[in-house]
């Protein structure tokens, strides 16, 4: 593996995770209770899970359609391109946190979708830089994957936004039962 691919790998991974944590926290933030620990915790878990799936799926599909590149230079080249592309999430994560906590906006889906779409373009461009030629198939596949994941994010958060309330209610119920209260 190339030496430059190893440099900063831990930092890139940490920054990617922090971006998806920011997306999760912003997506599950409640306008009247921004610092609710249940929403923040659930947002962190969902953000990390979604980020993990997104990275694996994008890397897997780009690796699948670039068999000759994978054989010539190894799968690490494709993984590196996706990692570099994921760095384009940083400005969108900063914007979504500012919009949610400073401006008190409650609609963060646009920032998140734009950030995910930027990753697809950046990954395809980085792959082209590493190989010395831009290929349309990489751009189309990565854009398609990113479109599907941004759609999946926006649709699933509309459903999952109710889960932290259920968790909080369940914990409160169990807490009252164990402290000597009763259910009835």
Protein backbone atom coordinates (compact mmCIF):
# COMPACT_ATOMS: atom_id res chain seq x y z
CA UNK A 1 0.00 0.00 0.00
CA UNK A 2 1.17 3.51 -0.78
CA UNK A 3 2.68 5.45 2.11
CA UNK A 4 0.46 8.53 1.58
CA UNK A 5 -2.67 6.41 1.96
CA UNK A 6 -1.72 5.44 5.49
CA UNK A 7 -0.95 8.96 6.66
CA UNK A 8 -3.86 10.50 8.50
CA UNK A 9 -6.10 7.44 8.24
CA UNK A 10 -7.11 7.64 11.90
CA UNK A 11 -7.86 11.37 11.57
CA UNK A 12 -9.97 10.83 8.47
CA UNK A 13 -11.91 8.09 10.23
CA UNK A 14 -12.47 10.24 13.31
CA UNK A 15 -13.62 13.23 11.24
CA UNK A 16 -16.03 11.05 9.24
CA UNK A 17 -17.52 9.65 12.43
CA UNK A 18 -17.84 13.11 13.98
CA UNK A 19 -19.66 14.34 10.87
CA UNK A 20 -22.19 11.52 11.03
CA UNK A 21 -22.58 12.09 14.78
CA UNK A 22 -23.35 15.75 14.03
CA UNK A 23 -25.88 14.69 11.40
CA UNK A 24 -27.56 12.33 13.84
CA UNK A 25 -27.69 14.84 16.67
CA UNK A 26 -29.13 17.54 14.41
CA UNK A 27 -31.68 15.22 12.81
CA UNK A 28 -33.11 14.07 16.14
CA UNK A 29 -32.94 17.42 17.89
CA UNK A 30 -36.29 18.69 19.19
CA UNK A 31 -36.96 22.42 18.77
CA UNK A 32 -38.22 22.85 22.34
CA UNK A 33 -35.68 20.58 24.01
CA UNK A 34 -32.41 20.73 22.07
CA UNK A 35 -30.29 19.19 24.85
CA UNK A 36 -32.46 16.13 25.53
CA UNK A 37 -29.98 13.34 26.26
CA UNK A 38 -32.23 10.64 24.80
CA UNK A 39 -32.44 12.44 21.47
CA UNK A 40 -28.71 13.18 21.45
CA UNK A 41 -27.78 9.60 22.34
CA UNK A 42 -30.15 8.12 19.78
CA UNK A 43 -28.88 10.57 17.17
CA UNK A 44 -25.30 9.52 17.84
CA UNK A 45 -26.14 5.83 17.49
CA UNK A 46 -28.17 6.30 14.29
CA UNK A 47 -25.59 8.67 12.82
CA UNK A 48 -22.74 6.23 13.41
CA UNK A 49 -24.76 3.28 12.13
CA UNK A 50 -25.84 5.13 9.00
CA UNK A 51 -22.30 6.40 8.38
CA UNK A 52 -20.94 2.87 8.69
CA UNK A 53 -23.49 1.51 6.20
CA UNK A 54 -22.96 4.39 3.79
CA UNK A 55 -19.18 3.98 3.78
CA UNK A 56 -19.35 0.21 3.32
CA UNK A 57 -21.92 0.39 0.56
CA UNK A 58 -20.11 3.14 -1.38
CA UNK A 59 -16.76 1.39 -1.09
CA UNK A 60 -18.27 -1.95 -2.03
CA UNK A 61 -20.00 -0.71 -5.16
CA UNK A 62 -17.01 1.30 -6.36
CA UNK A 63 -14.82 -1.71 -5.72
CA UNK A 64 -17.24 -3.93 -7.61
CA UNK A 65 -17.28 -1.81 -10.77
CA UNK A 66 -13.52 -1.18 -10.76
CA UNK A 67 -12.23 -4.75 -10.88
CA UNK A 68 -9.17 -3.95 -12.99
CA UNK A 69 -8.15 -1.09 -10.71
CA UNK A 70 -8.63 -3.33 -7.69
CA UNK A 71 -6.37 -5.96 -9.26
CA UNK A 72 -3.72 -3.45 -10.37
CA UNK A 73 -3.48 -1.18 -7.35
CA UNK A 74 -5.41 -3.04 -4.66
CA UNK A 75 -8.68 -2.32 -2.94
CA UNK A 76 -6.95 0.19 -0.65
CA UNK A 77 -6.90 2.68 -3.53
CA UNK A 78 -10.68 2.64 -3.74
CA UNK A 79 -11.01 2.78 0.04
CA UNK A 80 -8.66 5.76 0.13
CA UNK A 81 -10.69 7.61 -2.52
CA UNK A 82 -13.88 7.10 -0.53
CA UNK A 83 -12.17 8.22 2.70
CA UNK A 84 -10.95 11.41 1.04
CA UNK A 85 -14.42 11.97 -0.43
CA UNK A 86 -15.94 11.61 3.04
CA UNK A 87 -13.94 14.64 4.17
CA UNK A 88 -16.37 16.75 2.14
CA UNK A 89 -18.90 16.12 4.89
CA UNK A 90 -17.08 18.49 7.26
CA UNK A 91 -18.53 21.82 6.03
CA UNK A 92 -22.02 20.34 5.91
CA UNK A 93 -21.70 18.96 9.45
CA UNK A 94 -20.57 22.37 10.70
CA UNK A 95 -23.44 24.06 8.84
CA UNK A 96 -26.03 21.67 10.23
CA UNK A 97 -24.83 22.18 13.81
CA UNK A 98 -24.83 25.97 13.40
CA UNK A 99 -28.29 25.89 11.83
CA UNK A 100 -29.69 23.62 14.53
CA UNK A 101 -28.13 25.07 17.66
CA UNK A 102 -27.36 28.70 16.81
CA UNK A 103 -30.14 29.63 14.41
CA UNK A 104 -32.55 27.12 16.02
CA UNK A 105 -33.69 25.67 12.69
CA UNK A 106 -35.43 22.33 12.84
CA UNK A 107 -35.11 21.25 9.20
CA UNK A 108 -31.62 19.82 8.76
CA UNK A 109 -32.35 17.28 6.02
CA UNK A 110 -31.23 19.56 3.20
CA UNK A 111 -27.76 20.03 4.66
CA UNK A 112 -27.37 16.33 5.27
CA UNK A 113 -28.57 15.35 1.79
CA UNK A 114 -26.26 17.89 0.18
CA UNK A 115 -23.32 16.62 2.22
CA UNK A 116 -23.97 13.03 1.26
CA UNK A 117 -24.26 13.97 -2.42
CA UNK A 118 -20.99 15.92 -2.21
CA UNK A 119 -19.28 12.76 -0.94
CA UNK A 120 -20.27 10.87 -4.06
CA UNK A 121 -18.87 13.47 -6.41
CA UNK A 122 -15.70 13.91 -4.37
CA UNK A 123 -15.10 10.16 -4.16
CA UNK A 124 -15.46 9.76 -7.93
CA UNK A 125 -13.13 12.70 -8.56
CA UNK A 126 -10.56 11.38 -6.12
CA UNK A 127 -10.70 7.95 -7.73
CA UNK A 128 -10.08 9.63 -11.09
CA UNK A 129 -7.09 11.51 -9.70
CA UNK A 130 -5.58 8.32 -8.33
CA UNK A 131 -6.03 6.40 -11.58
CA UNK A 132 -5.12 9.24 -13.90
CA UNK A 133 -8.43 9.14 -15.78
CA UNK A 134 -11.97 10.16 -14.94
CA UNK A 135 -14.60 7.54 -15.66
CA UNK A 136 -18.25 8.31 -16.03
CA UNK A 137 -19.27 5.00 -14.46
CA UNK A 138 -17.65 5.99 -11.15
CA UNK A 139 -19.49 9.30 -11.09
CA UNK A 140 -22.83 7.75 -11.97
CA UNK A 141 -22.54 4.88 -9.49
CA UNK A 142 -21.32 7.04 -6.62
CA UNK A 143 -23.98 9.68 -7.31
CA UNK A 144 -26.66 7.00 -7.44
CA UNK A 145 -25.53 5.47 -4.16
CA UNK A 146 -25.40 8.88 -2.51
CA UNK A 147 -28.84 9.80 -3.83
CA UNK A 148 -30.31 6.59 -2.43
CA UNK A 149 -28.63 7.08 0.93
CA UNK A 150 -29.68 10.72 1.21
CA UNK A 151 -33.24 9.67 0.39
CA UNK A 152 -33.01 6.82 2.90
CA UNK A 153 -31.69 9.20 5.57
CA UNK A 154 -34.46 11.74 5.07
CA UNK A 155 -37.23 9.15 4.96
CA UNK A 156 -35.99 7.05 7.86
CA UNK A 157 -35.41 9.98 10.22
CA UNK A 158 -39.07 10.98 9.76
CA UNK A 159 -40.02 7.57 11.15
CA UNK A 160 -37.23 7.14 13.71
CA UNK A 161 -37.75 10.57 15.26
CA UNK A 162 -40.40 9.02 17.53
CA UNK A 163 -38.08 6.36 18.99
CA UNK A 164 -36.24 8.54 21.57
CA UNK A 165 -39.59 9.47 23.15
CA UNK A 166 -40.49 5.80 23.47
CA UNK A 167 -37.09 5.05 25.01
CA UNK A 168 -37.47 7.91 27.48
CA UNK A 169 -40.99 6.79 28.41
CA UNK A 170 -39.90 3.18 28.86
CA UNK A 171 -36.98 4.15 31.07
CA UNK A 172 -39.22 6.42 33.15
CA UNK A 173 -41.74 3.62 33.55
CA UNK A 174 -39.10 1.09 34.60
CA UNK A 175 -37.52 3.60 36.93
CA UNK A 176 -40.81 4.28 38.69
CA UNK A 177 -41.53 0.54 39.02
CA UNK A 178 -38.12 -0.22 40.49
CA UNK A 179 -38.32 2.71 42.90
CA UNK A 180 -41.39 1.19 44.54
CA UNK A 181 -44.13 2.66 42.41
CA UNK A 182 -46.58 0.58 40.53
CA UNK A 183 -47.77 0.48 36.97
CA UNK A 184 -51.39 1.08 37.93
